[in-house]
Amino acid sequence: MPTTALLVQFLATLEINPQLAKVKTLEMDLRGRLNPTLWLNELFFGQNRWLGFRDFYQYYLRHNQAELQRTFAHQPWSAVQQGLEARLYRTQFGMLTEYHAYYLCRDFFGPDHVRRPPGLDLIGVDFQLQWGGQWYNLHIFVDTPRAWEFRRYKAQHKAGNQLAGRHVNLPYSLAREGRFNSLHFLPNGFGIYREAYLAYLQTELAAGRIGNDNIVGTTATGFVYRPPG
């Protein structure tokens, strides 16, 4: 398994494209083999293979272009490509943040206390952490109202929240000021989880404040918890 330091070196080489991140002309679900998360999961977690965005985009097209053209036969292919490029960009960068969080947790808590069994991602859990004899199911996502709404939807309708263990929302904020400082930004602008954020998580676990799915937001100082009862 590669080291976290080597992963950070790779992440520092990525080209950030804020304009591409804003294009949202292809928002419908890409199901089955068209789901980019499945391809990224196999590359990153299955093969430990790191591709930059352009390489991943071309890799995805080589395997899926014929199916995409059948699925979107009612749209001009050039328009599909533009929306697809932006969709894959957002999906890949989100998964890379999750991927780094997994590696950093292994370093911080110890590899025997962090696991990601096959199929875990298919039910909406990113990875699991063992602390004090209890398994915690971690959910990694960007700290925005839209992402929180989607997380609440998954909690109600997806199988992941029925998995044994306590569910923990561990969001990351892209804001550099006024929010809990969960990320360290590399020179290219890519945000990676900070060890201090994991230390804060550890403190909250040790204090017994983290229950099942009771983190409902963040402030500039830390987690917001759902009131008891």
Protein backbone atom coordinates (compact mmCIF):
# COMPACT_ATOMS: atom_id res chain seq x y z
CA MET A 1 0.00 0.00 0.00
CA PRO A 2 1.42 3.44 -0.92
CA THR A 3 2.21 5.98 1.78
CA THR A 4 0.21 9.08 2.64
CA ALA A 5 3.25 11.23 1.85
CA LEU A 6 3.42 9.85 -1.71
CA LEU A 7 -0.31 10.42 -2.11
CA VAL A 8 0.07 14.06 -1.05
CA GLN A 9 2.87 14.49 -3.59
CA PHE A 10 0.51 13.24 -6.29
CA LEU A 11 -2.35 15.47 -5.14
CA ALA A 12 -0.03 18.48 -5.30
CA THR A 13 0.46 17.86 -9.04
CA LEU A 14 -3.25 18.05 -9.91
CA GLU A 15 -4.51 20.95 -11.98
CA ILE A 16 -7.41 22.72 -10.29
CA ASN A 17 -10.11 24.11 -12.61
CA PRO A 18 -12.71 26.15 -10.66
CA GLN A 19 -14.63 27.02 -13.84
CA LEU A 20 -15.03 23.37 -14.79
CA ALA A 21 -16.30 22.62 -11.30
CA LYS A 22 -19.20 25.06 -11.86
CA VAL A 23 -20.54 23.39 -15.04
CA LYS A 24 -23.59 21.32 -14.08
CA THR A 25 -25.31 20.45 -17.35
CA LEU A 26 -25.20 16.69 -16.76
CA GLU A 27 -26.71 16.08 -13.34
CA MET A 28 -28.74 12.93 -13.98
CA ASP A 29 -27.62 9.73 -12.27
CA LEU A 30 -25.01 7.72 -14.15
CA ARG A 31 -26.05 4.22 -13.22
CA GLY A 32 -24.49 0.79 -13.57
CA ARG A 33 -21.19 0.69 -15.40
CA LEU A 34 -21.52 4.41 -16.20
CA ASN A 35 -21.21 5.32 -12.53
CA PRO A 36 -17.80 7.07 -12.34
CA THR A 37 -17.50 6.29 -8.64
CA LEU A 38 -17.19 2.58 -9.44
CA TRP A 39 -14.29 3.23 -11.83
CA LEU A 40 -12.56 5.55 -9.38
CA ASN A 41 -13.06 3.09 -6.55
CA GLU A 42 -11.41 0.32 -8.55
CA LEU A 43 -8.51 2.55 -9.61
CA PHE A 44 -7.79 4.08 -6.21
CA PHE A 45 -8.74 1.39 -3.71
CA GLY A 46 -8.54 -1.69 -5.91
CA GLN A 47 -5.39 -1.01 -7.93
CA ASN A 48 -3.75 1.84 -5.97
CA ARG A 49 -3.47 3.52 -9.35
CA TRP A 50 -3.46 7.31 -9.45
CA LEU A 51 -4.56 9.13 -12.57
CA GLY A 52 -4.69 12.87 -13.09
CA PHE A 53 -8.00 14.27 -14.23
CA ARG A 54 -7.32 14.34 -17.99
CA ASP A 55 -6.00 10.78 -17.86
CA PHE A 56 -9.01 9.60 -15.90
CA TYR A 57 -11.42 11.32 -18.28
CA GLN A 58 -9.82 9.60 -21.27
CA TYR A 59 -9.72 6.28 -19.38
CA TYR A 60 -13.44 6.56 -18.60
CA LEU A 61 -14.32 7.44 -22.21
CA ARG A 62 -12.32 4.51 -23.62
CA HIS A 63 -14.40 2.12 -21.54
CA ASN A 64 -17.79 3.82 -21.76
CA GLN A 65 -18.14 6.03 -24.85
CA ALA A 66 -20.36 3.61 -26.79
CA GLU A 67 -22.71 3.17 -23.84
CA LEU A 68 -22.77 6.92 -23.21
CA GLN A 69 -23.69 7.64 -26.82
CA ARG A 70 -26.57 5.16 -26.61
CA THR A 71 -27.75 6.61 -23.29
CA PHE A 72 -27.62 10.22 -24.47
CA ALA A 73 -28.58 9.65 -28.12
CA HIS A 74 -31.12 12.49 -27.86
CA GLN A 75 -28.38 15.07 -27.12
CA PRO A 76 -25.49 16.38 -29.23
CA TRP A 77 -22.35 14.43 -28.31
CA SER A 78 -20.34 17.65 -27.87
CA ALA A 79 -22.82 18.86 -25.24
CA VAL A 80 -22.71 15.50 -23.46
CA GLN A 81 -18.91 15.62 -23.39
CA GLN A 82 -18.88 19.10 -21.84
CA GLY A 83 -21.26 18.12 -19.05
CA LEU A 84 -19.56 14.76 -18.55
CA GLU A 85 -16.13 16.31 -18.21
CA ALA A 86 -17.36 18.60 -15.42
CA ARG A 87 -19.27 15.76 -13.75
CA LEU A 88 -16.22 13.48 -13.70
CA TYR A 89 -14.01 16.32 -12.48
CA ARG A 90 -16.21 16.94 -9.43
CA THR A 91 -16.61 13.23 -8.72
CA GLN A 92 -12.89 12.51 -8.94
CA PHE A 93 -11.81 15.41 -6.75
CA GLY A 94 -14.40 14.52 -4.11
CA MET A 95 -13.24 10.92 -4.04
CA LEU A 96 -9.59 11.96 -3.84
CA THR A 97 -10.40 13.97 -0.72
CA GLU A 98 -12.11 10.89 0.75
CA TYR A 99 -9.15 8.74 -0.34
CA HIS A 100 -6.68 11.01 1.46
CA ALA A 101 -8.87 11.09 4.59
CA TYR A 102 -8.78 7.28 4.64
CA TYR A 103 -4.98 7.19 4.43
CA LEU A 104 -4.56 9.91 7.05
CA CYS A 105 -6.90 8.08 9.44
CA ARG A 106 -4.82 4.93 9.01
CA ASP A 107 -1.73 6.92 9.97
CA PHE A 108 -3.38 8.70 12.89
CA PHE A 109 -5.43 5.91 14.47
CA GLY A 110 -3.36 2.96 13.24
CA PRO A 111 -4.04 0.68 10.25
CA ASP A 112 -5.64 -2.00 12.41
CA HIS A 113 -8.33 0.49 13.47
CA VAL A 114 -9.36 1.70 10.01
CA ARG A 115 -10.93 -0.52 7.38
CA ARG A 116 -12.74 -0.33 4.08
CA PRO A 117 -14.15 -3.75 3.20
CA PRO A 118 -15.30 -4.46 -0.38
CA GLY A 119 -18.74 -3.10 -1.19
CA LEU A 120 -18.77 -0.54 1.62
CA ASP A 121 -18.94 2.37 -0.84
CA LEU A 122 -21.98 0.84 -2.56
CA ILE A 123 -24.07 1.37 0.58
CA GLY A 124 -22.86 4.93 1.17
CA VAL A 125 -20.19 4.49 3.87
CA ASP A 126 -16.72 5.76 3.02
CA PHE A 127 -14.70 3.83 5.60
CA GLN A 128 -14.86 2.58 9.17
CA LEU A 129 -12.96 3.51 12.31
CA GLN A 130 -12.64 1.48 15.49
CA TRP A 131 -12.35 3.41 18.75
CA GLY A 132 -12.89 2.17 22.29
CA GLY A 133 -14.27 -1.15 21.13
CA GLN A 134 -16.88 0.56 18.94
CA TRP A 135 -17.00 0.73 15.14
CA TYR A 136 -17.81 4.09 13.58
CA ASN A 137 -18.97 4.46 9.96
CA LEU A 138 -17.46 7.64 8.55
CA HIS A 139 -19.14 9.80 5.92
CA ILE A 140 -16.86 12.21 4.06
CA PHE A 141 -18.48 15.09 2.14
CA VAL A 142 -18.11 18.80 1.47
CA ASP A 143 -19.66 21.04 4.13
CA THR A 144 -22.41 22.75 2.10
CA PRO A 145 -26.20 22.91 2.58
CA ARG A 146 -26.74 20.82 -0.55
CA ALA A 147 -24.34 18.10 0.62
CA TRP A 148 -25.95 17.99 4.07
CA GLU A 149 -29.37 17.63 2.43
CA PHE A 150 -28.09 14.71 0.36
CA ARG A 151 -26.52 13.14 3.45
CA ARG A 152 -29.87 13.37 5.28
CA TYR A 153 -31.59 11.75 2.29
CA LYS A 154 -29.07 8.88 2.28
CA ALA A 155 -29.52 8.40 6.01
CA GLN A 156 -33.25 7.85 5.47
CA HIS A 157 -33.25 5.91 2.20
CA LYS A 158 -29.92 4.10 1.75
CA ALA A 159 -28.79 0.83 3.28
CA GLY A 160 -25.63 2.38 4.71
CA ASN A 161 -27.29 3.78 7.81
CA GLN A 162 -28.56 0.32 8.69
CA LEU A 163 -24.96 -0.93 8.91
CA ALA A 164 -23.89 -1.90 12.43
CA GLY A 165 -21.91 0.77 14.25
CA ARG A 166 -22.33 4.49 14.80
CA HIS A 167 -22.54 6.79 11.81
CA VAL A 168 -20.29 9.85 11.90
CA ASN A 169 -20.51 12.82 9.56
CA LEU A 170 -16.99 14.17 9.02
CA PRO A 171 -17.44 16.99 6.50
CA TYR A 172 -14.73 19.22 5.11
CA SER A 173 -15.10 22.94 4.49
CA LEU A 174 -13.63 24.59 1.39
CA ALA A 175 -13.96 27.98 3.08
CA ARG A 176 -10.60 29.23 4.30
CA GLU A 177 -12.10 31.57 6.90
CA GLY A 178 -15.03 31.49 9.30
CA ARG A 179 -15.49 27.71 9.29
CA PHE A 180 -13.93 24.84 11.17
CA ASN A 181 -10.44 24.36 9.76
CA SER A 182 -10.74 20.81 8.46
CA LEU A 183 -8.48 21.19 5.41
CA HIS A 184 -4.92 22.11 4.63
CA PHE A 185 -4.60 23.58 1.15
CA LEU A 186 -1.68 22.47 -1.01
CA PRO A 187 0.08 25.07 -3.22
CA ASN A 188 -2.11 24.05 -6.18
CA GLY A 189 -5.26 24.69 -4.11
CA PHE A 190 -6.24 21.07 -3.48
CA GLY A 191 -7.55 20.60 0.07
CA ILE A 192 -6.44 17.63 2.18
CA TYR A 193 -7.62 16.66 5.65
CA ARG A 194 -5.62 18.08 8.55
CA GLU A 195 -4.29 15.85 11.31
CA ALA A 196 -5.61 18.46 13.76
CA TYR A 197 -9.14 17.68 12.52
CA LEU A 198 -8.63 14.01 13.33
CA ALA A 199 -7.22 14.95 16.73
CA TYR A 200 -10.40 16.95 17.37
CA LEU A 201 -12.48 13.94 16.29
CA GLN A 202 -10.50 11.76 18.69
CA THR A 203 -11.14 14.23 21.54
CA GLU A 204 -14.86 14.20 20.86
CA LEU A 205 -14.90 10.39 20.71
CA ALA A 206 -13.01 10.14 24.01
CA ALA A 207 -15.45 12.59 25.62
CA GLY A 208 -18.39 10.43 24.54
CA ARG A 209 -20.07 13.23 22.62
CA ILE A 210 -20.34 11.37 19.29
CA GLY A 211 -23.43 9.20 19.05
CA ASN A 212 -25.13 7.63 16.06
CA ASP A 213 -25.55 10.23 13.30
CA ASN A 214 -25.74 13.08 15.82
CA ILE A 215 -23.31 15.47 14.07
CA VAL A 216 -25.61 17.77 12.11
CA GLY A 217 -23.31 20.66 11.18
CA THR A 218 -20.12 22.56 11.95
CA THR A 219 -19.19 26.02 13.15
CA ALA A 220 -15.87 27.83 13.29
CA THR A 221 -15.00 25.89 16.44
CA GLY A 222 -16.20 22.35 15.74
CA PHE A 223 -19.16 20.02 15.46
CA VAL A 224 -22.82 20.92 15.97
CA TYR A 225 -24.68 18.07 17.66
CA ARG A 226 -28.33 17.12 17.47
CA PRO A 227 -29.99 17.81 20.84
CA PRO A 228 -30.56 14.62 22.89
CA GLY A 229 -33.96 13.02 22.57
